[in-house]
Amino acid sequence: MARLSAMGATVRPSKLLTPRDDRDLVSRLTVSGAAADGVLTMQQFYEWFLAQKGPRGLESERVPFAALEGWAFAKDTGNLVHAGSGHYSVEGMKILAWTGPICEWYQPIVNQPGVGIHGLLVKEHAGVLHCLVQAKAEPGHPEVIQLYPTVQATRDAYATAQRDFATRHLESFIGPRRGRIIADVLHSSHGQWFYRMSNRCMVVEAMGDVEAGEGFAWLTVGQLNALLKRNKVLSLSLRSLLSLLPRNDSASRAVMTSAEVLGWLSEQRAYREVEITPIPLNHVSGWQRTEMEICRADGRYLSIMAVESHGRHETISQPMVEVRGQGLAALVVKEFDGVPHVLARAGLESGLRDSVEIGPTVFCQPKDFEKQGNVPRPALLDYILSARQDQIRYDSVQTGDGARFYHPTCRNLIVEADDRLPAELPPEFAWVALGQISDLIRHIHCVNLPARALIACLNALQ
């Protein structure tokens, strides 16, 4: 009998078909979500976690750009670039928008070449699924030890590392020893500040024995859900990956059909199209460069600065983004006939590949709107900030990406809708069932990073 090819591998026809979905996975994750203890009790975890600060801590300080080792401003463009390959650069960008209060603006942008890997490894211990997380600090928030995914690697790092798998546990995600895929999707990063950056976000189940290694720990989904309620314990990348875990969703009805949700997103992308033009950094209008930072004359939005970080075994020297003030990422939620929905907003971020992805109800830096200007306050910002205590289902302060951002923090809010919510909302808003947005997270470039992190928090409350 003839052989056929599937995904590059030659297989016999009798082996071609497999169930399209793992029907047992959701129940196994539900059991893990109910497990308050696992390989480690929570007390043992806290003792282990506190012990990580010494060997994995960092000390960071701002330095002049001239002190950055290996970095320099290109003479012809003014772009801030590294002498080696595979590093990101800071460049300029011109944006033309067809709609909105501002139709043209200029800004610096971080350009990271290639697609990185963010991977979470899961495995059963005593019949209960556990997630393998690592504890570390990042240059952007050196005083905070947090939990990160099993693997985080840029394209250059894992392309080099896969020859000898120097990045610990990388072999579980690529190559012949890769485990069973639970989720594997390209996700966007911060589209406001990164130019078309994507990460391959993976959840993989290990099939054989796995030695955790120093600095790693196995935790149940229930333990991670409990830690989501604490400030600055789970990193942004780990929260985003947790949103990929399938959830138990028996709802068959929603305010909109799934086709209508996709149609709404497509319409927003078509209507709010932007034209992006990379330009030299020294051509970015309205920004100024000093020996310590690149910033707007009015000090709003963000700056580019230089940071040197010292750890026990290495020194890291790099430019970083400093966002002005604490961010706010908020979801308004409501049940319709017992089915939980989120009020999603089609958020425009100029660095995204498709310009628009599904985002939280509100995502902004409120400090940017304290002064009167030509930029209106985001819709529903005041509604969120005036929410009563009995409306607030989740409220925490979390860190952002500390690999490229300096001291990034964001208040994460989940707010129950009340009668003050306007009945008529702008067309960029839509009520999307929690099950629908969870499904869309498992598809390429549909849901943005702050929304994915908030959905993980919302799932933990269900």
Protein backbone atom coordinates (compact mmCIF):
# COMPACT_ATOMS: atom_id res chain seq x y z
CA MET A 1 0.00 0.00 0.00
CA ALA A 2 1.30 3.46 -0.86
CA ARG A 3 2.72 5.68 1.80
CA LEU A 4 1.56 9.24 2.34
CA SER A 5 3.29 12.25 3.87
CA ALA A 6 2.01 14.28 6.83
CA MET A 7 4.00 17.25 8.22
CA GLY A 8 7.16 16.11 6.50
CA ALA A 9 7.08 12.57 7.93
CA THR A 10 6.31 9.47 5.89
CA VAL A 11 3.63 7.37 7.57
CA ARG A 12 1.50 4.38 6.67
CA PRO A 13 -2.18 5.13 5.87
CA SER A 14 -3.29 3.13 8.93
CA LYS A 15 -1.43 5.65 11.13
CA LEU A 16 -2.70 8.80 9.45
CA LEU A 17 -5.85 9.42 11.50
CA THR A 18 -5.88 10.53 15.11
CA PRO A 19 -8.55 12.23 17.23
CA ARG A 20 -8.71 15.92 16.35
CA ASP A 21 -8.87 16.92 20.02
CA ASP A 22 -7.61 15.37 23.23
CA ARG A 23 -10.89 14.85 25.06
CA ASP A 24 -9.15 13.85 28.28
CA LEU A 25 -6.90 16.90 28.45
CA VAL A 26 -9.50 19.31 29.81
CA SER A 27 -10.48 16.93 32.61
CA ARG A 28 -6.80 16.37 33.47
CA LEU A 29 -6.23 20.14 33.60
CA THR A 30 -9.35 20.50 35.76
CA VAL A 31 -7.92 18.01 38.24
CA SER A 32 -4.62 19.92 38.23
CA GLY A 33 -6.50 23.20 38.70
CA ALA A 34 -8.14 21.81 41.84
CA ALA A 35 -4.82 20.61 43.31
CA ALA A 36 -3.65 23.06 45.99
CA ASP A 37 -0.49 21.00 46.56
CA GLY A 38 1.60 18.77 44.35
CA VAL A 39 5.24 17.79 44.12
CA LEU A 40 5.75 20.76 46.43
CA THR A 41 3.33 21.99 49.05
CA MET A 42 2.74 25.73 48.93
CA GLN A 43 4.85 26.12 52.07
CA GLN A 44 7.70 24.21 50.43
CA PHE A 45 7.31 26.34 47.30
CA TYR A 46 7.57 29.61 49.23
CA GLU A 47 10.70 28.40 51.00
CA TRP A 48 12.24 27.39 47.66
CA PHE A 49 11.14 30.65 46.02
CA LEU A 50 12.66 32.86 48.71
CA ALA A 51 15.92 30.93 48.46
CA GLN A 52 16.25 31.85 44.75
CA LYS A 53 16.83 35.57 45.29
CA GLY A 54 20.46 35.17 46.32
CA PRO A 55 21.83 33.14 43.39
CA ARG A 56 19.54 34.64 40.73
CA GLY A 57 19.29 38.29 41.77
CA LEU A 58 20.55 41.20 39.68
CA GLU A 59 21.61 44.76 40.32
CA SER A 60 20.82 47.28 37.57
CA GLU A 61 21.74 50.90 37.06
CA ARG A 62 21.18 53.54 34.43
CA VAL A 63 24.30 54.48 32.50
CA PRO A 64 25.11 56.80 29.57
CA PHE A 65 24.68 55.35 26.10
CA ALA A 66 28.44 55.63 25.64
CA ALA A 67 28.94 53.09 28.45
CA LEU A 68 27.00 50.34 26.66
CA GLU A 69 29.39 47.57 25.68
CA GLY A 70 29.03 46.56 22.02
CA TRP A 71 26.31 49.14 21.28
CA ALA A 72 26.61 52.34 19.24
CA PHE A 73 24.54 54.81 17.25
CA ALA A 74 24.98 54.16 13.53
CA LYS A 75 26.58 57.16 11.83
CA ASP A 76 24.25 57.18 8.83
CA THR A 77 20.86 56.48 10.47
CA GLY A 78 21.34 57.16 14.16
CA ASN A 79 19.86 53.73 14.89
CA LEU A 80 21.07 52.19 18.15
CA VAL A 81 22.58 48.85 17.09
CA HIS A 82 24.79 46.09 18.46
CA ALA A 83 28.00 45.01 16.79
CA GLY A 84 27.04 41.31 16.97
CA SER A 85 24.33 39.41 15.11
CA GLY A 86 20.92 38.42 16.46
CA HIS A 87 20.50 41.44 18.75
CA TYR A 88 17.59 43.82 18.64
CA SER A 89 18.02 47.42 17.53
CA VAL A 90 16.27 50.71 18.25
CA GLU A 91 15.06 52.37 15.06
CA GLY A 92 12.52 54.96 13.97
CA MET A 93 9.00 54.50 12.66
CA LYS A 94 6.52 56.74 10.86
CA ILE A 95 2.84 55.83 11.20
CA LEU A 96 -0.03 57.02 9.01
CA ALA A 97 -3.51 56.05 10.25
CA TRP A 98 -6.65 56.28 8.13
CA THR A 99 -8.90 56.85 11.15
CA GLY A 100 -8.59 58.18 14.69
CA PRO A 101 -7.84 61.49 16.39
CA ILE A 102 -4.18 61.45 15.25
CA CYS A 103 -3.43 60.45 11.68
CA GLU A 104 0.35 60.77 11.68
CA TRP A 105 3.02 60.28 14.31
CA TYR A 106 6.65 59.29 14.75
CA GLN A 107 8.30 57.20 17.44
CA PRO A 108 11.29 54.99 18.27
CA ILE A 109 10.59 51.26 17.95
CA VAL A 110 12.43 48.12 19.05
CA ASN A 111 13.20 45.77 16.16
CA GLN A 112 13.94 42.20 17.31
CA PRO A 113 14.70 39.93 14.32
CA GLY A 114 13.30 36.42 14.17
CA VAL A 115 10.72 34.46 16.14
CA GLY A 116 11.59 33.41 19.68
CA ILE A 117 10.26 30.48 21.70
CA HIS A 118 8.29 30.72 24.92
CA GLY A 119 7.61 27.19 26.11
CA LEU A 120 5.83 25.65 29.10
CA LEU A 121 6.52 21.99 29.80
CA VAL A 122 3.86 19.93 31.60
CA LYS A 123 4.04 16.42 32.98
CA GLU A 124 2.03 14.16 35.26
CA HIS A 125 3.33 13.52 38.76
CA ALA A 126 1.29 11.09 40.87
CA GLY A 127 -1.45 11.32 38.23
CA VAL A 128 -1.71 15.12 38.36
CA LEU A 129 -0.45 17.47 35.62
CA HIS A 130 2.29 19.85 36.76
CA CYS A 131 3.92 22.79 34.97
CA LEU A 132 7.69 23.27 35.00
CA VAL A 133 8.56 26.88 35.80
CA GLN A 134 11.84 28.62 36.45
CA ALA A 135 12.70 31.37 38.91
CA LYS A 136 14.88 34.27 37.82
CA ALA A 137 15.25 38.03 37.69
CA GLU A 138 15.41 40.19 34.58
CA PRO A 139 17.38 43.41 34.02
CA GLY A 140 14.22 45.54 33.91
CA HIS A 141 13.11 44.59 37.42
CA PRO A 142 16.23 43.18 39.08
CA GLU A 143 14.85 43.38 42.61
CA VAL A 144 12.02 40.96 41.81
CA ILE A 145 12.45 37.19 41.43
CA GLN A 146 9.55 35.83 39.40
CA LEU A 147 8.36 32.60 37.84
CA TYR A 148 8.95 32.24 34.10
CA PRO A 149 8.12 29.61 31.48
CA THR A 150 10.31 26.53 31.16
CA VAL A 151 12.05 28.01 28.12
CA GLN A 152 12.48 31.54 26.81
CA ALA A 153 14.83 31.94 23.87
CA THR A 154 15.28 34.35 20.97
CA ARG A 155 15.74 32.88 17.50
CA ASP A 156 19.47 33.47 17.59
CA ALA A 157 19.74 31.88 21.04
CA TYR A 158 17.82 28.71 20.23
CA ALA A 159 19.31 28.37 16.72
CA THR A 160 22.72 28.28 18.38
CA ALA A 161 21.61 26.29 21.40
CA GLN A 162 19.81 23.50 19.55
CA ARG A 163 23.13 22.12 18.32
CA ASP A 164 23.97 21.12 21.87
CA PHE A 165 20.76 22.15 23.70
CA ALA A 166 22.67 24.52 25.98
CA THR A 167 19.34 26.17 26.79
CA ARG A 168 17.95 23.85 29.43
CA HIS A 169 14.85 21.85 28.40
CA LEU A 170 14.91 23.22 24.85
CA GLU A 171 14.97 19.64 23.53
CA SER A 172 11.41 19.18 24.84
CA PHE A 173 10.15 21.82 22.38
CA ILE A 174 12.15 21.32 19.17
CA GLY A 175 13.92 18.42 17.55
CA PRO A 176 13.33 14.67 17.67
CA ARG A 177 12.83 14.56 21.45
CA ARG A 178 10.00 17.07 21.44
CA GLY A 179 7.05 16.16 23.65
CA ARG A 180 3.36 15.99 22.77
CA ILE A 181 2.03 19.36 21.64
CA ILE A 182 -0.85 20.82 23.65
CA ALA A 183 -0.59 24.29 22.09
CA ASP A 184 1.72 25.80 19.49
CA VAL A 185 0.88 29.24 18.10
CA LEU A 186 2.58 32.46 17.01
CA HIS A 187 1.68 35.29 19.36
CA SER A 188 2.46 38.97 19.11
CA SER A 189 4.47 40.85 21.69
CA HIS A 190 4.04 44.53 22.67
CA GLY A 191 2.82 46.06 19.43
CA GLN A 192 3.10 49.60 20.75
CA TRP A 193 6.85 49.36 21.23
CA PHE A 194 8.08 46.37 19.15
CA TYR A 195 8.08 46.18 15.36
CA ARG A 196 6.20 43.05 14.26
CA MET A 197 7.74 40.89 16.97
CA SER A 198 6.31 37.39 17.44
CA ASN A 199 7.05 34.49 19.74
CA ARG A 200 6.28 30.86 19.17
CA CYS A 201 4.24 30.10 22.28
CA MET A 202 4.15 26.40 23.13
CA VAL A 203 2.70 24.12 25.79
CA VAL A 204 4.17 20.64 25.51
CA GLU A 205 3.61 17.50 27.56
CA ALA A 206 6.75 15.53 28.38
CA MET A 207 6.50 11.83 27.59
CA GLY A 208 9.59 10.62 29.44
CA ASP A 209 11.44 11.39 32.62
CA VAL A 210 12.44 15.03 33.09
CA GLU A 211 14.87 16.27 35.71
CA ALA A 212 13.77 19.76 36.68
CA GLY A 213 17.23 21.12 37.46
CA GLU A 214 18.43 23.94 39.66
CA GLY A 215 16.18 26.98 39.61
CA PHE A 216 13.15 25.03 38.27
CA ALA A 217 10.07 23.74 40.08
CA TRP A 218 7.01 21.64 39.25
CA LEU A 219 3.71 23.33 40.21
CA THR A 220 0.10 22.33 39.61
CA VAL A 221 -2.27 24.56 37.68
CA GLY A 222 -4.10 25.15 40.97
CA GLN A 223 -0.92 26.42 42.60
CA LEU A 224 -0.22 28.74 39.66
CA ASN A 225 -3.81 30.01 39.80
CA ALA A 226 -3.33 30.83 43.48
CA LEU A 227 -0.09 32.67 42.71
CA LEU A 228 -1.84 34.69 39.99
CA LYS A 229 -3.70 36.48 42.78
CA ARG A 230 -0.45 37.76 44.26
CA ASN A 231 1.49 40.77 43.00
CA LYS A 232 4.63 40.26 40.92
CA VAL A 233 5.07 36.49 41.23
CA LEU A 234 4.14 35.18 37.77
CA SER A 235 5.88 36.89 34.88
CA LEU A 236 3.97 38.31 31.92
CA SER A 237 5.25 35.58 29.60
CA LEU A 238 4.08 32.83 31.96
CA ARG A 239 0.65 34.42 32.40
CA SER A 240 0.30 34.61 28.64
CA LEU A 241 1.19 30.92 28.22
CA LEU A 242 -1.32 29.87 30.89
CA SER A 243 -4.09 31.39 28.75
CA LEU A 244 -3.34 28.68 26.16
CA LEU A 245 -4.44 25.86 28.47
CA PRO A 246 -7.80 24.49 27.28
CA ARG A 247 -10.66 25.12 29.70
CA ASN A 248 -13.91 23.37 30.45
CA ASP A 249 -16.49 25.30 28.43
CA SER A 250 -19.90 23.74 28.02
CA ALA A 251 -21.59 26.92 26.76
CA SER A 252 -23.01 26.52 23.26
CA ARG A 253 -24.47 30.03 23.01
CA ALA A 254 -23.01 33.54 22.98
CA VAL A 255 -23.98 37.13 22.21
CA MET A 256 -22.30 36.74 18.80
CA THR A 257 -21.58 33.65 16.79
CA SER A 258 -17.92 32.76 16.38
CA ALA A 259 -18.17 33.74 12.71
CA GLU A 260 -19.52 37.14 13.73
CA VAL A 261 -16.64 37.65 16.18
CA LEU A 262 -14.13 36.94 13.41
CA GLY A 263 -16.08 39.24 11.09
CA TRP A 264 -15.95 42.03 13.68
CA LEU A 265 -12.18 41.62 13.99
CA SER A 266 -11.72 41.57 10.21
CA GLU A 267 -13.85 44.70 9.82
CA GLN A 268 -11.81 46.54 12.45
CA ARG A 269 -8.57 45.55 10.74
CA ALA A 270 -9.84 46.72 7.38
CA TYR A 271 -11.35 49.97 8.66
CA ARG A 272 -8.46 50.96 10.95
CA GLU A 273 -5.62 50.19 8.58
CA VAL A 274 -2.31 51.93 9.21
CA GLU A 275 0.72 52.48 7.02
CA ILE A 276 4.03 51.77 8.74
CA THR A 277 7.32 53.10 7.39
CA PRO A 278 10.62 52.29 9.12
CA ILE A 279 12.80 55.40 9.16
CA PRO A 280 16.21 56.28 10.61
CA LEU A 281 16.12 57.02 14.32
CA ASN A 282 17.64 60.45 13.72
CA HIS A 283 14.61 61.34 11.52
CA VAL A 284 12.02 60.76 14.26
CA SER A 285 10.28 64.11 14.57
CA GLY A 286 9.50 65.47 18.04
CA TRP A 287 12.05 63.33 19.89
CA GLN A 288 15.42 64.32 21.31
CA ARG A 289 18.56 62.44 22.27
CA THR A 290 20.75 63.17 25.27
CA GLU A 291 23.68 61.19 26.62
CA MET A 292 21.24 59.35 28.95
CA GLU A 293 17.98 58.91 27.01
CA ILE A 294 15.90 59.33 23.88
CA CYS A 295 12.58 60.97 24.75
CA ARG A 296 9.86 63.35 23.67
CA ALA A 297 10.30 67.00 24.57
CA ASP A 298 7.13 66.87 26.69
CA GLY A 299 8.28 63.69 28.48
CA ARG A 300 5.19 61.66 27.54
CA TYR A 301 4.74 58.01 26.54
CA LEU A 302 8.20 56.43 26.74
CA SER A 303 11.94 56.88 26.60
CA ILE A 304 14.90 54.77 25.47
CA MET A 305 17.63 54.48 28.07
CA ALA A 306 20.83 52.53 28.75
CA VAL A 307 21.08 49.97 31.57
CA GLU A 308 23.88 47.85 32.95
CA SER A 309 22.93 44.82 35.07
CA HIS A 310 25.25 42.79 37.26
CA GLY A 311 24.56 39.21 38.31
CA ARG A 312 26.63 36.58 40.06
CA HIS A 313 28.04 35.22 36.81
CA GLU A 314 27.46 37.89 34.14
CA THR A 315 27.08 41.55 33.30
CA ILE A 316 24.39 42.63 30.83
CA SER A 317 24.67 45.94 29.01
CA GLN A 318 21.76 47.03 26.81
CA PRO A 319 19.29 49.76 25.82
CA MET A 320 15.84 49.45 27.38
CA VAL A 321 12.40 51.01 27.03
CA GLU A 322 11.03 52.98 29.97
CA VAL A 323 7.26 53.47 29.80
CA ARG A 324 6.04 56.56 31.62
CA GLY A 325 4.00 55.63 34.67
CA GLN A 326 2.16 52.50 35.70
CA GLY A 327 0.04 50.88 33.02
CA LEU A 328 -3.57 49.78 33.29
CA ALA A 329 -5.01 46.64 31.69
CA ALA A 330 -8.69 46.10 32.49
CA LEU A 331 -11.45 43.74 31.42
CA VAL A 332 -15.14 44.41 31.90
CA VAL A 333 -17.03 41.13 32.31
CA LYS A 334 -20.71 40.22 32.36
CA GLU A 335 -22.84 37.09 32.26
CA PHE A 336 -25.55 36.77 29.63
CA ASP A 337 -27.98 33.97 30.56
CA GLY A 338 -25.26 32.44 32.73
CA VAL A 339 -22.58 32.55 30.01
CA PRO A 340 -19.51 34.66 30.97
CA HIS A 341 -18.51 37.30 28.41
CA VAL A 342 -15.73 39.88 28.25
CA LEU A 343 -16.04 43.33 26.74
CA ALA A 344 -13.19 43.13 24.25
CA ARG A 345 -11.76 46.05 22.34
CA ALA A 346 -10.12 45.77 18.95
CA GLY A 347 -6.88 47.48 19.90
CA LEU A 348 -4.71 49.23 17.33
CA GLU A 349 -0.99 48.86 17.96
CA SER A 350 1.18 50.15 15.15
CA GLY A 351 3.89 47.49 15.55
CA LEU A 352 1.53 44.53 15.13
CA ARG A 353 1.65 42.59 11.89
CA ASP A 354 -2.09 43.15 11.32
CA SER A 355 -2.22 46.47 13.24
CA VAL A 356 -5.32 45.38 15.20
CA GLU A 357 -5.80 42.48 17.61
CA ILE A 358 -8.40 41.73 20.28
CA GLY A 359 -7.36 43.47 23.47
CA PRO A 360 -8.68 44.30 26.94
CA THR A 361 -11.51 46.75 27.47
CA VAL A 362 -8.91 49.35 28.43
CA PHE A 363 -5.14 49.22 28.00
CA CYS A 364 -3.16 52.41 28.46
CA GLN A 365 -0.80 54.43 30.65
CA PRO A 366 -3.25 56.69 32.52
CA LYS A 367 -0.46 59.19 33.26
CA ASP A 368 -0.35 60.03 29.55
CA PHE A 369 -3.85 61.50 29.81
CA GLU A 370 -3.47 63.56 32.98
CA LYS A 371 -2.72 66.69 30.96
CA GLN A 372 -5.07 68.17 28.42
CA GLY A 373 -3.91 67.55 24.87
CA ASN A 374 -5.01 66.60 21.40
CA VAL A 375 -5.34 62.92 22.34
CA PRO A 376 -8.72 62.06 23.93
CA ARG A 377 -8.94 59.86 27.00
CA PRO A 378 -9.53 56.20 26.13
CA ALA A 379 -13.16 55.14 26.05
CA LEU A 380 -14.29 53.59 29.35
CA LEU A 381 -11.10 54.60 31.20
CA ASP A 382 -13.10 56.72 33.63
CA TYR A 383 -15.69 53.97 33.97
CA ILE A 384 -12.96 51.53 35.01
CA LEU A 385 -11.25 53.94 37.39
CA SER A 386 -14.56 54.74 39.13
CA ALA A 387 -15.61 51.10 39.61
CA ARG A 388 -17.00 50.32 43.05
CA GLN A 389 -15.21 47.82 45.24
CA ASP A 390 -18.06 45.32 44.92
CA GLN A 391 -17.60 45.33 41.12
CA ILE A 392 -13.92 44.43 41.22
CA ARG A 393 -13.30 40.71 40.83
CA TYR A 394 -9.54 40.91 40.37
CA ASP A 395 -7.03 43.63 41.20
CA SER A 396 -3.26 43.18 41.18
CA VAL A 397 -0.09 44.98 40.17
CA GLN A 398 2.05 42.88 37.86
CA THR A 399 5.34 43.39 36.07
CA GLY A 400 5.80 43.62 32.33
CA ASP A 401 8.60 42.35 30.13
CA GLY A 402 11.78 42.94 32.12
CA ALA A 403 14.07 41.79 29.32
CA ARG A 404 13.50 44.93 27.24
CA PHE A 405 11.61 47.29 29.61
CA TYR A 406 12.90 49.12 32.66
CA HIS A 407 10.74 48.76 35.80
CA PRO A 408 7.53 48.03 33.88
CA THR A 409 4.43 47.65 36.05
CA CYS A 410 0.77 47.37 35.17
CA ARG A 411 -2.37 47.33 37.27
CA ASN A 412 -4.55 44.42 36.17
CA LEU A 413 -8.28 44.79 36.79
CA ILE A 414 -11.32 42.62 36.11
CA VAL A 415 -14.53 44.56 36.69
CA GLU A 416 -18.13 43.35 36.72
CA ALA A 417 -20.34 45.48 34.47
CA ASP A 418 -23.13 47.48 36.10
CA ASP A 419 -25.90 49.83 34.94
CA ARG A 420 -23.44 52.71 34.50
CA LEU A 421 -21.91 51.00 31.48
CA PRO A 422 -23.19 52.79 28.36
CA ALA A 423 -25.67 50.74 26.37
CA GLU A 424 -24.22 52.05 23.09
CA LEU A 425 -20.49 51.56 22.66
CA PRO A 426 -18.09 52.49 19.83
CA PRO A 427 -17.75 49.82 17.12
CA GLU A 428 -14.30 48.74 18.31
CA PHE A 429 -15.97 47.13 21.35
CA ALA A 430 -17.75 43.76 21.32
CA TRP A 431 -19.07 41.26 23.86
CA VAL A 432 -17.15 38.03 23.30
CA ALA A 433 -17.86 34.83 25.26
CA LEU A 434 -15.00 33.66 27.45
CA GLY A 435 -14.96 30.35 25.58
CA GLN A 436 -14.73 32.16 22.24
CA ILE A 437 -11.79 34.35 23.23
CA SER A 438 -10.06 31.32 24.76
CA ASP A 439 -10.40 29.57 21.40
CA LEU A 440 -9.05 32.61 19.55
CA ILE A 441 -5.98 32.72 21.78
CA ARG A 442 -5.02 29.38 20.24
CA HIS A 443 -4.92 31.01 16.78
CA ILE A 444 -2.17 33.14 15.27
CA HIS A 445 -2.17 36.89 16.00
CA CYS A 446 -5.79 37.23 17.15
CA VAL A 447 -5.51 38.25 20.83
CA ASN A 448 -2.87 40.65 22.09
CA LEU A 449 -0.49 40.18 25.00
CA PRO A 450 -2.24 42.15 27.78
CA ALA A 451 -5.55 40.47 26.94
CA ARG A 452 -4.00 36.99 27.05
CA ALA A 453 -2.52 37.70 30.47
CA LEU A 454 -5.88 38.94 31.78
CA ILE A 455 -7.72 35.92 30.40
CA ALA A 456 -5.36 33.69 32.38
CA CYS A 457 -6.33 35.62 35.51
CA LEU A 458 -10.03 35.38 34.66
CA ASN A 459 -9.75 31.62 34.07
CA ALA A 460 -8.15 31.30 37.49
CA LEU A 461 -11.26 32.87 39.05
CA GLN A 462 -13.76 30.61 37.29
